[in-house]
N, C-alpha and C. Protein backbone atom coordinates (compact mmCIF):
# COMPACT_ATOMS: atom_id res chain seq x y z
N MET A 1 5.72 -3.09 -15.00
CA MET A 1 6.89 -2.03 -14.33
C MET A 1 7.99 -1.99 -15.31
N LYS A 2 8.29 -3.11 -16.10
CA LYS A 2 9.65 -2.82 -17.04
C LYS A 2 9.08 -2.20 -18.17
N ALA A 3 7.62 -2.30 -18.92
CA ALA A 3 7.39 -1.49 -19.89
C ALA A 3 7.39 -0.06 -19.70
N VAL A 4 7.00 0.41 -18.19
CA VAL A 4 7.07 1.69 -17.32
C VAL A 4 8.27 2.32 -17.89
N ASN A 5 9.35 1.21 -17.30
CA ASN A 5 10.73 1.91 -17.33
C ASN A 5 11.22 2.10 -18.82
N GLU A 6 10.89 0.93 -19.63
CA GLU A 6 11.54 1.66 -20.92
C GLU A 6 10.34 2.37 -21.97
N SER A 7 9.63 2.89 -21.55
CA SER A 7 8.79 3.92 -22.18
C SER A 7 9.41 5.16 -21.94
N GLY A 8 10.15 5.41 -21.09
CA GLY A 8 10.68 6.48 -21.36
C GLY A 8 9.94 8.01 -20.46
N ASN A 9 8.93 7.27 -20.45
CA ASN A 9 7.68 8.49 -19.53
C ASN A 9 8.18 8.57 -18.27
N LYS A 10 7.65 10.05 -17.88
CA LYS A 10 7.51 10.25 -16.36
C LYS A 10 6.39 9.21 -15.61
N ILE A 11 6.61 9.13 -14.33
CA ILE A 11 5.91 8.43 -13.20
C ILE A 11 4.70 9.29 -13.13
N ASP A 12 3.23 9.27 -13.30
CA ASP A 12 2.49 10.15 -13.07
C ASP A 12 1.36 9.44 -12.04
N SER A 13 0.61 9.95 -11.79
CA SER A 13 -0.40 9.48 -10.90
C SER A 13 -1.51 8.24 -11.33
N ARG A 14 -1.29 7.98 -13.03
CA ARG A 14 -1.89 6.93 -13.28
C ARG A 14 -0.99 5.66 -13.26
N THR A 15 -0.02 5.96 -12.88
CA THR A 15 1.27 4.72 -12.92
C THR A 15 1.82 4.58 -11.54
N ILE A 16 1.84 5.77 -10.65
CA ILE A 16 2.50 5.43 -9.21
C ILE A 16 1.99 4.19 -8.63
N SER A 17 1.16 3.92 -8.54
CA SER A 17 0.83 2.90 -7.36
C SER A 17 1.05 1.49 -8.12
N SER A 18 1.13 1.27 -9.47
CA SER A 18 1.59 0.06 -9.85
C SER A 18 3.07 0.27 -10.01
N VAL A 19 3.74 1.18 -9.84
CA VAL A 19 5.26 1.12 -9.88
C VAL A 19 5.67 0.84 -8.56
N THR A 20 5.13 1.54 -7.71
CA THR A 20 5.67 1.46 -5.94
C THR A 20 5.17 0.12 -5.43
N GLN A 21 4.03 -0.49 -5.86
CA GLN A 21 3.98 -1.82 -5.53
C GLN A 21 4.98 -2.69 -5.45
N LEU A 22 5.47 -2.69 -7.09
CA LEU A 22 6.62 -3.46 -7.12
C LEU A 22 7.53 -3.67 -6.14
N PHE A 23 7.73 -2.49 -5.76
CA PHE A 23 9.18 -2.06 -4.70
C PHE A 23 8.90 -2.14 -3.05
N THR A 24 7.42 -2.43 -2.48
CA THR A 24 7.02 -3.00 -1.28
C THR A 24 7.53 -4.06 -1.12
N GLU A 25 7.97 -4.16 0.34
CA GLU A 25 8.47 -5.74 0.50
C GLU A 25 7.08 -6.08 1.22
N ASP A 26 7.18 -7.46 1.76
CA ASP A 26 6.48 -8.09 2.18
C ASP A 26 6.31 -7.83 3.75
N TYR A 27 7.26 -7.41 4.36
CA TYR A 27 7.17 -6.93 5.90
C TYR A 27 6.54 -6.15 5.81
N MET A 28 6.59 -5.14 5.16
CA MET A 28 5.77 -3.65 5.31
C MET A 28 4.39 -3.67 4.88
N VAL A 29 3.86 -4.77 3.93
CA VAL A 29 2.60 -5.09 3.77
C VAL A 29 1.78 -5.60 5.23
N GLN A 30 2.69 -6.34 5.59
CA GLN A 30 2.46 -7.20 7.08
C GLN A 30 2.01 -6.17 8.03
N PHE A 31 2.99 -5.52 8.21
CA PHE A 31 2.69 -4.77 9.15
C PHE A 31 1.87 -3.86 9.22
N GLU A 32 1.50 -2.71 7.63
CA GLU A 32 0.76 -2.09 7.58
C GLU A 32 -1.13 -2.92 7.45
N LEU A 33 -1.09 -4.25 7.74
CA LEU A 33 -2.02 -5.15 7.91
C LEU A 33 -2.11 -4.97 9.47
N VAL A 34 -1.55 -5.54 9.91
CA VAL A 34 -1.24 -5.45 11.68
C VAL A 34 -1.98 -4.15 11.89
N ILE A 35 -1.55 -3.28 11.65
CA ILE A 35 -1.56 -1.73 12.15
C ILE A 35 -3.04 -1.54 11.97
N PHE A 36 -3.45 -1.71 10.79
CA PHE A 36 -5.11 -1.57 9.75
C PHE A 36 -5.38 -2.31 10.94
N SER A 37 -5.65 -3.60 11.20
CA SER A 37 -6.67 -4.60 11.89
C SER A 37 -6.80 -4.24 13.52
N ILE A 38 -5.53 -3.65 14.11
CA ILE A 38 -5.70 -3.07 15.40
C ILE A 38 -6.61 -1.90 15.42
N GLN A 39 -6.02 -1.21 14.68
CA GLN A 39 -7.10 0.37 14.70
C GLN A 39 -8.51 0.07 14.21
N TRP A 40 -8.75 -0.87 13.25
CA TRP A 40 -10.15 -1.16 12.85
C TRP A 40 -10.88 -1.71 13.93
N PHE A 41 -10.03 -2.77 14.90
CA PHE A 41 -10.70 -3.52 16.04
C PHE A 41 -11.16 -2.72 16.76
N LEU A 42 -10.17 -1.46 17.71
CA LEU A 42 -10.12 -0.74 18.62
C LEU A 42 -11.42 -0.08 18.13
N GLY A 43 -11.25 0.47 16.95
CA GLY A 43 -12.39 1.52 16.42
C GLY A 43 -14.03 0.99 16.75
N THR A 44 -13.78 -0.59 16.41
CA THR A 44 -15.36 -0.81 16.34
C THR A 44 -15.51 -1.39 17.99
N THR A 45 -14.49 -1.71 18.75
CA THR A 45 -14.78 -2.18 19.94
C THR A 45 -15.13 -0.78 21.06
N ILE A 46 -14.42 0.16 20.88
CA ILE A 46 -14.93 1.61 21.24
C ILE A 46 -16.39 2.00 21.01
N ARG A 47 -16.54 1.89 20.21
CA ARG A 47 -17.69 2.19 19.15
C ARG A 47 -19.20 1.58 19.99
N SER A 48 -18.86 0.21 20.24
CA SER A 48 -19.92 -0.65 20.61
C SER A 48 -19.94 -0.65 22.17
N SER A 49 -19.05 -0.01 22.93
CA SER A 49 -18.91 0.09 24.35
C SER A 49 -19.85 1.18 25.25
C-alpha cells in the first residue's frame, strides 16, 4: 500500500484489489463469509432434495 501511495500512479485494475483489501474491516470479511456460507449451503441443500 505504501508503495502504491508513494508512487503517485493512479490506482488501476492491477492494484485495486491489494489497495482495497487493506481497508476491509474484519467484521466485513466475517459477514461476507457467513452470507456466502449460507448461500452455498442452501444451494447444495435445495439441489439435493
